[in-house]
Amino acid sequence: MSIPAEQLPTLIERMIRIEAKLDTYNQNHADHEGRIRLLEEKSGRLDNIEGRLQTGVQTFGDHETRLRGLERRMWLTAGVALLGGSFVGVVLGPLLGLGG
């Protein structure tokens, strides 16, 4: 197949444009393996995060139980402080000559 001489400059110009577009495409999209590896790594990290989140949800699922436990400990601490203060005031105070 022969190309007429008058079409040759146009054809060369088109080929140069096509080559430039291919170079640009290759620079931007050539490393598809690297992009696939990056996506796989992110997927693994997301699975890890999702697993830890699920564990956290299961561990702290019933917030009412946690709140009741905290409230129970608070009242227990207040009771121990009351008993300790009463003991010091009633028993040890007179023994040490403190108080009225």
PDB file of N, CA and C in Angstrom:
ATOM      1  N   MET A   1       0.849  -1.165   0.000  1.00  0.00           N
ATOM      2  CA  MET A   1       0.000   0.000   0.000  1.00  0.00           C
ATOM      3  C   MET A   1       0.900   1.235   0.000  1.00  0.00           C
ATOM      4  N   SER A   2       0.686   2.089  -0.923  1.00  0.00           N
ATOM      5  CA  SER A   2       1.495   3.297  -1.009  1.00  0.00           C
ATOM      6  C   SER A   2       0.658   4.507  -0.617  1.00  0.00           C
ATOM      7  N   ILE A   3       1.311   5.465   0.010  1.00  0.00           N
ATOM      8  CA  ILE A   3       0.645   6.674   0.471  1.00  0.00           C
ATOM      9  C   ILE A   3       1.072   7.814  -0.451  1.00  0.00           C
ATOM     10  N   PRO A   4       0.095   8.588  -0.900  1.00  0.00           N
ATOM     11  CA  PRO A   4       0.462   9.711  -1.761  1.00  0.00           C
ATOM     12  C   PRO A   4       1.335  10.710  -1.002  1.00  0.00           C
ATOM     13  N   ALA A   5       2.241  11.339  -1.671  1.00  0.00           N
ATOM     14  CA  ALA A   5       3.204  12.249  -1.073  1.00  0.00           C
ATOM     15  C   ALA A   5       2.541  13.443  -0.410  1.00  0.00           C
ATOM     16  N   GLU A   6       1.425  13.928  -0.926  1.00  0.00           N
ATOM     17  CA  GLU A   6       0.755  15.091  -0.336  1.00  0.00           C
ATOM     18  C   GLU A   6       0.095  14.756   1.013  1.00  0.00           C
ATOM     19  N   GLN A   7      -0.233  13.482   1.263  1.00  0.00           N
ATOM     20  CA  GLN A   7      -0.837  13.087   2.538  1.00  0.00           C
ATOM     21  C   GLN A   7       0.203  12.729   3.604  1.00  0.00           C
ATOM     22  N   LEU A   8       1.434  12.577   3.190  1.00  0.00           N
ATOM     23  CA  LEU A   8       2.489  12.154   4.088  1.00  0.00           C
ATOM     24  C   LEU A   8       2.701  13.120   5.272  1.00  0.00           C
ATOM     25  N   PRO A   9       2.776  14.448   5.092  1.00  0.00           N
ATOM     26  CA  PRO A   9       2.951  15.332   6.261  1.00  0.00           C
ATOM     27  C   PRO A   9       1.794  15.243   7.258  1.00  0.00           C
ATOM     28  N   THR A  10       0.556  15.144   6.761  1.00  0.00           N
ATOM     29  CA  THR A  10      -0.600  15.021   7.644  1.00  0.00           C
ATOM     30  C   THR A  10      -0.539  13.702   8.421  1.00  0.00           C
ATOM     31  N   LEU A  11      -0.185  12.656   7.738  1.00  0.00           N
ATOM     32  CA  LEU A  11      -0.091  11.348   8.374  1.00  0.00           C
ATOM     33  C   LEU A  11       1.009  11.345   9.438  1.00  0.00           C
ATOM     34  N   ILE A  12       2.141  11.955   9.150  1.00  0.00           N
ATOM     35  CA  ILE A  12       3.237  12.026  10.119  1.00  0.00           C
ATOM     36  C   ILE A  12       2.798  12.830  11.345  1.00  0.00           C
ATOM     37  N   GLU A  13       2.092  13.941  11.112  1.00  0.00           N
ATOM     38  CA  GLU A  13       1.602  14.765  12.229  1.00  0.00           C
ATOM     39  C   GLU A  13       0.637  13.976  13.108  1.00  0.00           C
ATOM     40  N   ARG A  14      -0.243  13.233  12.475  1.00  0.00           N
ATOM     41  CA  ARG A  14      -1.191  12.402  13.247  1.00  0.00           C
ATOM     42  C   ARG A  14      -0.457  11.339  14.056  1.00  0.00           C
ATOM     43  N   MET A  15       0.544  10.726  13.461  1.00  0.00           N
ATOM     44  CA  MET A  15       1.301   9.692  14.157  1.00  0.00           C
ATOM     45  C   MET A  15       2.047  10.279  15.349  1.00  0.00           C
ATOM     46  N   ILE A  16       2.575  11.503  15.180  1.00  0.00           N
ATOM     47  CA  ILE A  16       3.263  12.157  16.288  1.00  0.00           C
ATOM     48  C   ILE A  16       2.279  12.432  17.426  1.00  0.00           C
ATOM     49  N   ARG A  17       1.070  12.895  17.090  1.00  0.00           N
ATOM     50  CA  ARG A  17       0.048  13.149  18.122  1.00  0.00           C
ATOM     51  C   ARG A  17      -0.343  11.863  18.839  1.00  0.00           C
ATOM     52  N   ILE A  18      -0.523  10.807  18.056  1.00  0.00           N
ATOM     53  CA  ILE A  18      -0.888   9.514  18.646  1.00  0.00           C
ATOM     54  C   ILE A  18       0.228   9.036  19.582  1.00  0.00           C
ATOM     55  N   GLU A  19       1.474   9.174  19.135  1.00  0.00           N
ATOM     56  CA  GLU A  19       2.600   8.755  19.973  1.00  0.00           C
ATOM     57  C   GLU A  19       2.662   9.562  21.266  1.00  0.00           C
ATOM     58  N   ALA A  20       2.416  10.876  21.172  1.00  0.00           N
ATOM     59  CA  ALA A  20       2.424  11.721  22.373  1.00  0.00           C
ATOM     60  C   ALA A  20       1.311  11.301  23.331  1.00  0.00           C
ATOM     61  N   LYS A  21       0.132  11.015  22.786  1.00  0.00           N
ATOM     62  CA  LYS A  21      -0.978  10.567  23.634  1.00  0.00           C
ATOM     63  C   LYS A  21      -0.661   9.224  24.282  1.00  0.00           C
ATOM     64  N   LEU A  22      -0.049   8.318  23.527  1.00  0.00           N
ATOM     65  CA  LEU A  22       0.329   7.021  24.099  1.00  0.00           C
ATOM     66  C   LEU A  22       1.378   7.171  25.184  1.00  0.00           C
ATOM     67  N   ASP A  23       2.345   8.067  24.972  1.00  0.00           N
ATOM     68  CA  ASP A  23       3.351   8.309  26.003  1.00  0.00           C
ATOM     69  C   ASP A  23       2.711   8.836  27.281  1.00  0.00           C
ATOM     70  N   THR A  24       1.798   9.787  27.128  1.00  0.00           N
ATOM     71  CA  THR A  24       1.093  10.343  28.290  1.00  0.00           C
ATOM     72  C   THR A  24       0.296   9.254  28.999  1.00  0.00           C
ATOM     73  N   TYR A  25      -0.410   8.439  28.236  1.00  0.00           N
ATOM     74  CA  TYR A  25      -1.200   7.359  28.824  1.00  0.00           C
ATOM     75  C   TYR A  25      -0.291   6.374  29.561  1.00  0.00           C
ATOM     76  N   ASN A  26       0.818   6.011  28.933  1.00  0.00           N
ATOM     77  CA  ASN A  26       1.738   5.054  29.562  1.00  0.00           C
ATOM     78  C   ASN A  26       2.346   5.605  30.846  1.00  0.00           C
ATOM     79  N   GLN A  27       2.653   6.898  30.869  1.00  0.00           N
ATOM     80  CA  GLN A  27       3.209   7.496  32.072  1.00  0.00           C
ATOM     81  C   GLN A  27       2.194   7.485  33.209  1.00  0.00           C
ATOM     82  N   ASN A  28       0.940   7.703  32.868  1.00  0.00           N
ATOM     83  CA  ASN A  28      -0.095   7.787  33.902  1.00  0.00           C
ATOM     84  C   ASN A  28      -0.667   6.428  34.288  1.00  0.00           C
ATOM     85  N   HIS A  29      -0.629   5.461  33.401  1.00  0.00           N
ATOM     86  CA  HIS A  29      -1.319   4.201  33.663  1.00  0.00           C
ATOM     87  C   HIS A  29      -0.443   2.963  33.476  1.00  0.00           C
ATOM     88  N   ALA A  30       0.832   3.146  33.292  1.00  0.00           N
ATOM     89  CA  ALA A  30       1.689   2.001  32.981  1.00  0.00           C
ATOM     90  C   ALA A  30       1.859   1.066  34.158  1.00  0.00           C
ATOM     91  N   ASP A  31       1.924   1.591  35.355  1.00  0.00           N
ATOM     92  CA  ASP A  31       2.222   0.763  36.512  1.00  0.00           C
ATOM     93  C   ASP A  31       0.943   0.203  37.126  1.00  0.00           C
ATOM     94  N   HIS A  32       0.182  -0.523  36.342  1.00  0.00           N
ATOM     95  CA  HIS A  32      -1.063  -1.074  36.862  1.00  0.00           C
ATOM     96  C   HIS A  32      -0.810  -2.132  37.926  1.00  0.00           C
ATOM     97  N   GLU A  33       0.293  -2.843  37.836  1.00  0.00           N
ATOM     98  CA  GLU A  33       0.620  -3.828  38.870  1.00  0.00           C
ATOM     99  C   GLU A  33       0.850  -3.145  40.207  1.00  0.00           C
ATOM    100  N   GLY A  34       1.562  -2.016  40.175  1.00  0.00           N
ATOM    101  CA  GLY A  34       1.793  -1.268  41.416  1.00  0.00           C
ATOM    102  C   GLY A  34       0.501  -0.759  42.009  1.00  0.00           C
ATOM    103  N   ARG A  35      -0.399  -0.292  41.160  1.00  0.00           N
ATOM    104  CA  ARG A  35      -1.687   0.193  41.661  1.00  0.00           C
ATOM    105  C   ARG A  35      -2.523  -0.946  42.228  1.00  0.00           C
ATOM    106  N   ILE A  36      -2.456  -2.096  41.594  1.00  0.00           N
ATOM    107  CA  ILE A  36      -3.197  -3.257  42.109  1.00  0.00           C
ATOM    108  C   ILE A  36      -2.638  -3.673  43.468  1.00  0.00           C
ATOM    109  N   ARG A  37      -1.278  -3.689  43.597  1.00  0.00           N
ATOM    110  CA  ARG A  37      -0.675  -4.030  44.886  1.00  0.00           C
ATOM    111  C   ARG A  37      -1.085  -3.037  45.969  1.00  0.00           C
ATOM    112  N   LEU A  38      -1.112  -1.751  45.615  1.00  0.00           N
ATOM    113  CA  LEU A  38      -1.520  -0.726  46.570  1.00  0.00           C
ATOM    114  C   LEU A  38      -2.959  -0.948  47.031  1.00  0.00           C
ATOM    115  N   LEU A  39      -3.843  -1.263  46.102  1.00  0.00           N
ATOM    116  CA  LEU A  39      -5.236  -1.541  46.471  1.00  0.00           C
ATOM    117  C   LEU A  39      -5.349  -2.774  47.356  1.00  0.00           C
ATOM    118  N   GLU A  40      -4.551  -3.799  47.061  1.00  0.00           N
ATOM    119  CA  GLU A  40      -4.572  -5.000  47.893  1.00  0.00           C
ATOM    120  C   GLU A  40      -4.087  -4.704  49.302  1.00  0.00           C
ATOM    121  N   GLU A  41      -3.041  -3.875  49.422  1.00  0.00           N
ATOM    122  CA  GLU A  41      -2.556  -3.502  50.751  1.00  0.00           C
ATOM    123  C   GLU A  41      -3.612  -2.721  51.514  1.00  0.00           C
ATOM    124  N   LYS A  42      -4.274  -1.785  50.842  1.00  0.00           N
ATOM    125  CA  LYS A  42      -5.319  -1.010  51.504  1.00  0.00           C
ATOM    126  C   LYS A  42      -6.474  -1.904  51.905  1.00  0.00           C
ATOM    127  N   SER A  43      -6.793  -2.869  51.069  1.00  0.00           N
ATOM    128  CA  SER A  43      -7.864  -3.800  51.403  1.00  0.00           C
ATOM    129  C   SER A  43      -7.510  -4.588  52.657  1.00  0.00           C
ATOM    130  N   GLY A  44      -6.253  -5.024  52.763  1.00  0.00           N
ATOM    131  CA  GLY A  44      -5.819  -5.753  53.956  1.00  0.00           C
ATOM    132  C   GLY A  44      -5.906  -4.894  55.193  1.00  0.00           C
ATOM    133  N   ARG A  45      -5.514  -3.622  55.075  1.00  0.00           N
ATOM    134  CA  ARG A  45      -5.594  -2.717  56.219  1.00  0.00           C
ATOM    135  C   ARG A  45      -7.053  -2.473  56.607  1.00  0.00           C
ATOM    136  N   LEU A  46      -7.925  -2.347  55.613  1.00  0.00           N
ATOM    137  CA  LEU A  46      -9.338  -2.137  55.910  1.00  0.00           C
ATOM    138  C   LEU A  46      -9.936  -3.351  56.605  1.00  0.00           C
ATOM    139  N   ASP A  47      -9.532  -4.557  56.171  1.00  0.00           N
ATOM    140  CA  ASP A  47     -10.005  -5.773  56.844  1.00  0.00           C
ATOM    141  C   ASP A  47      -9.539  -5.784  58.292  1.00  0.00           C
ATOM    142  N   ASN A  48      -8.289  -5.374  58.525  1.00  0.00           N
ATOM    143  CA  ASN A  48      -7.744  -5.328  59.880  1.00  0.00           C
ATOM    144  C   ASN A  48      -8.520  -4.328  60.734  1.00  0.00           C
ATOM    145  N   ILE A  49      -8.775  -3.148  60.186  1.00  0.00           N
ATOM    146  CA  ILE A  49      -9.526  -2.120  60.918  1.00  0.00           C
ATOM    147  C   ILE A  49     -10.942  -2.611  61.199  1.00  0.00           C
ATOM    148  N   GLU A  50     -11.562  -3.229  60.204  1.00  0.00           N
ATOM    149  CA  GLU A  50     -12.923  -3.727  60.388  1.00  0.00           C
ATOM    150  C   GLU A  50     -12.970  -4.813  61.458  1.00  0.00           C
ATOM    151  N   GLY A  51     -11.971  -5.681  61.479  1.00  0.00           N
ATOM    152  CA  GLY A  51     -11.910  -6.723  62.504  1.00  0.00           C
ATOM    153  C   GLY A  51     -11.763  -6.140  63.895  1.00  0.00           C
ATOM    154  N   ARG A  52     -10.884  -5.139  64.037  1.00  0.00           N
ATOM    155  CA  ARG A  52     -10.715  -4.504  65.349  1.00  0.00           C
ATOM    156  C   ARG A  52     -11.967  -3.759  65.768  1.00  0.00           C
ATOM    157  N   LEU A  53     -12.627  -3.126  64.810  1.00  0.00           N
ATOM    158  CA  LEU A  53     -13.872  -2.414  65.121  1.00  0.00           C
ATOM    159  C   LEU A  53     -14.948  -3.393  65.574  1.00  0.00           C
ATOM    160  N   GLN A  54     -15.050  -4.521  64.896  1.00  0.00           N
ATOM    161  CA  GLN A  54     -16.039  -5.532  65.278  1.00  0.00           C
ATOM    162  C   GLN A  54     -15.755  -6.057  66.679  1.00  0.00           C
ATOM    163  N   THR A  55     -14.477  -6.266  66.992  1.00  0.00           N
ATOM    164  CA  THR A  55     -14.103  -6.707  68.343  1.00  0.00           C
ATOM    165  C   THR A  55     -14.505  -5.660  69.367  1.00  0.00           C
ATOM    166  N   GLY A  56     -14.261  -4.395  69.054  1.00  0.00           N
ATOM    167  CA  GLY A  56     -14.640  -3.314  69.962  1.00  0.00           C
ATOM    168  C   GLY A  56     -16.135  -3.237  70.163  1.00  0.00           C
ATOM    169  N   VAL A  57     -16.889  -3.437  69.097  1.00  0.00           N
ATOM    170  CA  VAL A  57     -18.345  -3.405  69.203  1.00  0.00           C
ATOM    171  C   VAL A  57     -18.829  -4.550  70.081  1.00  0.00           C
ATOM    172  N   GLN A  58     -18.243  -5.721  69.907  1.00  0.00           N
ATOM    173  CA  GLN A  58     -18.647  -6.856  70.728  1.00  0.00           C
ATOM    174  C   GLN A  58     -18.236  -6.658  72.182  1.00  0.00           C
ATOM    175  N   THR A  59     -17.054  -6.092  72.402  1.00  0.00           N
ATOM    176  CA  THR A  59     -16.558  -5.902  73.760  1.00  0.00           C
ATOM    177  C   THR A  59     -17.367  -4.853  74.503  1.00  0.00           C
ATOM    178  N   PHE A  60     -17.700  -3.784  73.834  1.00  0.00           N
ATOM    179  CA  PHE A  60     -18.396  -2.677  74.482  1.00  0.00           C
ATOM    180  C   PHE A  60     -19.830  -2.533  73.983  1.00  0.00           C
ATOM    181  N   GLY A  61     -20.425  -3.657  73.617  1.00  0.00           N
ATOM    182  CA  GLY A  61     -21.764  -3.618  73.037  1.00  0.00           C
ATOM    183  C   GLY A  61     -22.826  -3.140  74.000  1.00  0.00           C
ATOM    184  N   ASP A  62     -22.787  -3.582  75.234  1.00  0.00           N
ATOM    185  CA  ASP A  62     -23.846  -3.233  76.179  1.00  0.00           C
ATOM    186  C   ASP A  62     -23.352  -2.131  77.104  1.00  0.00           C
ATOM    187  N   HIS A  63     -23.588  -0.901  76.732  1.00  0.00           N
ATOM    188  CA  HIS A  63     -23.092   0.220  77.536  1.00  0.00           C
ATOM    189  C   HIS A  63     -23.833   0.335  78.866  1.00  0.00           C
ATOM    190  N   GLU A  64     -25.054  -0.144  78.925  1.00  0.00           N
ATOM    191  CA  GLU A  64     -25.796  -0.108  80.189  1.00  0.00           C
ATOM    192  C   GLU A  64     -25.096  -0.948  81.256  1.00  0.00           C
ATOM    193  N   THR A  65     -24.617  -2.127  80.873  1.00  0.00           N
ATOM    194  CA  THR A  65     -23.901  -2.985  81.816  1.00  0.00           C
ATOM    195  C   THR A  65     -22.636  -2.290  82.304  1.00  0.00           C
ATOM    196  N   ARG A  66     -21.916  -1.647  81.396  1.00  0.00           N
ATOM    197  CA  ARG A  66     -20.707  -0.925  81.793  1.00  0.00           C
ATOM    198  C   ARG A  66     -21.037   0.211  82.741  1.00  0.00           C
ATOM    199  N   LEU A  67     -22.098   0.959  82.437  1.00  0.00           N
ATOM    200  CA  LEU A  67     -22.481   2.079  83.305  1.00  0.00           C
ATOM    201  C   LEU A  67     -22.918   1.593  84.680  1.00  0.00           C
ATOM    202  N   ARG A  68     -23.672   0.496  84.736  1.00  0.00           N
ATOM    203  CA  ARG A  68     -24.093  -0.056  86.029  1.00  0.00           C
ATOM    204  C   ARG A  68     -22.886  -0.502  86.849  1.00  0.00           C
ATOM    205  N   GLY A  69     -21.897  -1.100  86.185  1.00  0.00           N
ATOM    206  CA  GLY A  69     -20.675  -1.510  86.878  1.00  0.00           C
ATOM    207  C   GLY A  69     -19.925  -0.316  87.456  1.00  0.00           C
ATOM    208  N   LEU A  70     -19.818   0.754  86.682  1.00  0.00           N
ATOM    209  CA  LEU A  70     -19.159   1.968  87.179  1.00  0.00           C
ATOM    210  C   LEU A  70     -19.925   2.571  88.353  1.00  0.00           C
ATOM    211  N   GLU A  71     -21.239   2.587  88.244  1.00  0.00           N
ATOM    212  CA  GLU A  71     -22.061   3.146  89.330  1.00  0.00           C
ATOM    213  C   GLU A  71     -21.910   2.300  90.593  1.00  0.00           C
ATOM    214  N   ARG A  72     -21.878   0.986  90.434  1.00  0.00           N
ATOM    215  CA  ARG A  72     -21.704   0.088  91.578  1.00  0.00           C
ATOM    216  C   ARG A  72     -20.368   0.346  92.273  1.00  0.00           C
ATOM    217  N   ARG A  73     -19.304   0.499  91.478  1.00  0.00           N
ATOM    218  CA  ARG A  73     -17.986   0.780  92.062  1.00  0.00           C
ATOM    219  C   ARG A  73     -17.956   2.132  92.759  1.00  0.00           C
ATOM    220  N   MET A  74     -18.654   3.121  92.195  1.00  0.00           N
ATOM    221  CA  MET A  74     -18.687   4.446  92.810  1.00  0.00           C
ATOM    222  C   MET A  74     -19.361   4.374  94.189  1.00  0.00           C
ATOM    223  N   TRP A  75     -20.508   3.676  94.275  1.00  0.00           N
ATOM    224  CA  TRP A  75     -21.206   3.559  95.556  1.00  0.00           C
ATOM    225  C   TRP A  75     -20.409   2.733  96.553  1.00  0.00           C
ATOM    226  N   LEU A  76     -19.722   1.706  96.081  1.00  0.00           N
ATOM    227  CA  LEU A  76     -18.883   0.898  96.958  1.00  0.00           C
ATOM    228  C   LEU A  76     -17.760   1.749  97.543  1.00  0.00           C
ATOM    229  N   THR A  77     -17.128   2.564  96.719  1.00  0.00           N
ATOM    230  CA  THR A  77     -16.068   3.455  97.187  1.00  0.00           C
ATOM    231  C   THR A  77     -16.605   4.465  98.195  1.00  0.00           C
ATOM    232  N   ALA A  78     -17.790   5.011  97.919  1.00  0.00           N
ATOM    233  CA  ALA A  78     -18.390   5.981  98.854  1.00  0.00           C
ATOM    234  C   ALA A  78     -18.706   5.304 100.189  1.00  0.00           C
ATOM    235  N   GLY A  79     -19.201   4.064 100.150  1.00  0.00           N
ATOM    236  CA  GLY A  79     -19.501   3.332 101.388  1.00  0.00           C
ATOM    237  C   GLY A  79     -18.261   3.042 102.194  1.00  0.00           C
ATOM    238  N   VAL A  80     -17.180   2.627 101.511  1.00  0.00           N
ATOM    239  CA  VAL A  80     -15.924   2.341 102.210  1.00  0.00           C
ATOM    240  C   VAL A  80     -15.394   3.627 102.847  1.00  0.00           C
ATOM    241  N   ALA A  81     -15.492   4.746 102.130  1.00  0.00           N
ATOM    242  CA  ALA A  81     -15.020   6.027 102.685  1.00  0.00           C
ATOM    243  C   ALA A  81     -15.847   6.423 103.898  1.00  0.00           C
ATOM    244  N   LEU A  82     -17.158   6.190 103.859  1.00  0.00           N
ATOM    245  CA  LEU A  82     -18.036   6.512 104.982  1.00  0.00           C
ATOM    246  C   LEU A  82     -17.692   5.649 106.193  1.00  0.00           C
ATOM    247  N   LEU A  83     -17.524   4.355 105.980  1.00  0.00           N
ATOM    248  CA  LEU A  83     -17.173   3.464 107.081  1.00  0.00           C
ATOM    249  C   LEU A  83     -15.798   3.799 107.657  1.00  0.00           C
ATOM    250  N   GLY A  84     -14.839   4.101 106.784  1.00  0.00           N
ATOM    251  CA  GLY A  84     -13.496   4.462 107.267  1.00  0.00           C
ATOM    252  C   GLY A  84     -13.531   5.742 108.078  1.00  0.00           C
ATOM    253  N   GLY A  85     -14.279   6.737 107.618  1.00  0.00           N
ATOM    254  CA  GLY A  85     -14.390   7.998 108.356  1.00  0.00           C
ATOM    255  C   GLY A  85     -15.088   7.810 109.686  1.00  0.00           C
ATOM    256  N   SER A  86     -16.138   6.980 109.672  1.00  0.00           N
ATOM    257  CA  SER A  86     -16.851   6.706 110.934  1.00  0.00           C
ATOM    258  C   SER A  86     -15.943   5.996 111.920  1.00  0.00           C
ATOM    259  N   PHE A  87     -15.192   5.019 111.463  1.00  0.00           N
ATOM    260  CA  PHE A  87     -14.276   4.282 112.335  1.00  0.00           C
ATOM    261  C   PHE A  87     -13.254   5.226 112.957  1.00  0.00           C
ATOM    262  N   VAL A  88     -12.657   6.071 112.122  1.00  0.00           N
ATOM    263  CA  VAL A  88     -11.658   7.005 112.636  1.00  0.00           C
ATOM    264  C   VAL A  88     -12.307   7.964 113.633  1.00  0.00           C
ATOM    265  N   GLY A  89     -13.505   8.462 113.331  1.00  0.00           N
ATOM    266  CA  GLY A  89     -14.148   9.428 114.205  1.00  0.00           C
ATOM    267  C   GLY A  89     -14.652   8.843 115.509  1.00  0.00           C
ATOM    268  N   VAL A  90     -15.198   7.631 115.462  1.00  0.00           N
ATOM    269  CA  VAL A  90     -15.821   7.063 116.636  1.00  0.00           C
ATOM    270  C   VAL A  90     -14.815   6.254 117.471  1.00  0.00           C
ATOM    271  N   VAL A  91     -13.969   5.469 116.858  1.00  0.00           N
ATOM    272  CA  VAL A  91     -13.100   4.572 117.608  1.00  0.00           C
ATOM    273  C   VAL A  91     -11.732   5.190 117.885  1.00  0.00           C
ATOM    274  N   LEU A  92     -11.064   5.631 116.840  1.00  0.00           N
ATOM    275  CA  LEU A  92      -9.721   6.141 117.017  1.00  0.00           C
ATOM    276  C   LEU A  92      -9.673   7.542 117.614  1.00  0.00           C
ATOM    277  N   GLY A  93     -10.687   8.351 117.372  1.00  0.00           N
ATOM    278  CA  GLY A  93     -10.701   9.712 117.886  1.00  0.00           C
ATOM    279  C   GLY A  93     -10.586   9.775 119.405  1.00  0.00           C
ATOM    280  N   PRO A  94     -11.467   9.098 120.119  1.00  0.00           N
ATOM    281  CA  PRO A  94     -11.371   9.118 121.581  1.00  0.00           C
ATOM    282  C   PRO A  94     -10.095   8.481 122.115  1.00  0.00           C
ATOM    283  N   LEU A  95      -9.598   7.433 121.420  1.00  0.00           N
ATOM    284  CA  LEU A  95      -8.373   6.791 121.863  1.00  0.00           C
ATOM    285  C   LEU A  95      -7.176   7.745 121.767  1.00  0.00           C
ATOM    286  N   LEU A  96      -7.209   8.578 120.760  1.00  0.00           N
ATOM    287  CA  LEU A  96      -6.096   9.525 120.560  1.00  0.00           C
ATOM    288  C   LEU A  96      -6.356  10.858 121.234  1.00  0.00           C
ATOM    289  N   GLY A  97      -7.477  11.011 121.851  1.00  0.00           N
ATOM    290  CA  GLY A  97      -7.785  12.235 122.549  1.00  0.00           C
ATOM    291  C   GLY A  97      -8.227  13.348 121.613  1.00  0.00           C
ATOM    292  N   LEU A  98      -8.762  12.965 120.464  1.00  0.00           N
ATOM    293  CA  LEU A  98      -9.220  13.960 119.487  1.00  0.00           C
ATOM    294  C   LEU A  98     -10.737  14.066 119.566  1.00  0.00           C
ATOM    295  N   GLY A  99     -11.252  15.185 119.260  1.00  0.00           N
ATOM    296  CA  GLY A  99     -12.706  15.346 119.199  1.00  0.00           C
ATOM    297  C   GLY A  99     -13.280  15.694 120.553  1.00  0.00           C
ATOM    298  N   GLY A 100     -14.603  15.773 120.569  1.00  0.00           N
ATOM    299  CA  GLY A 100     -15.233  16.286 121.741  1.00  0.00           C
ATOM    300  C   GLY A 100     -15.784  15.362 122.689  1.00  0.00           C
TER     301      GLY A 100
END
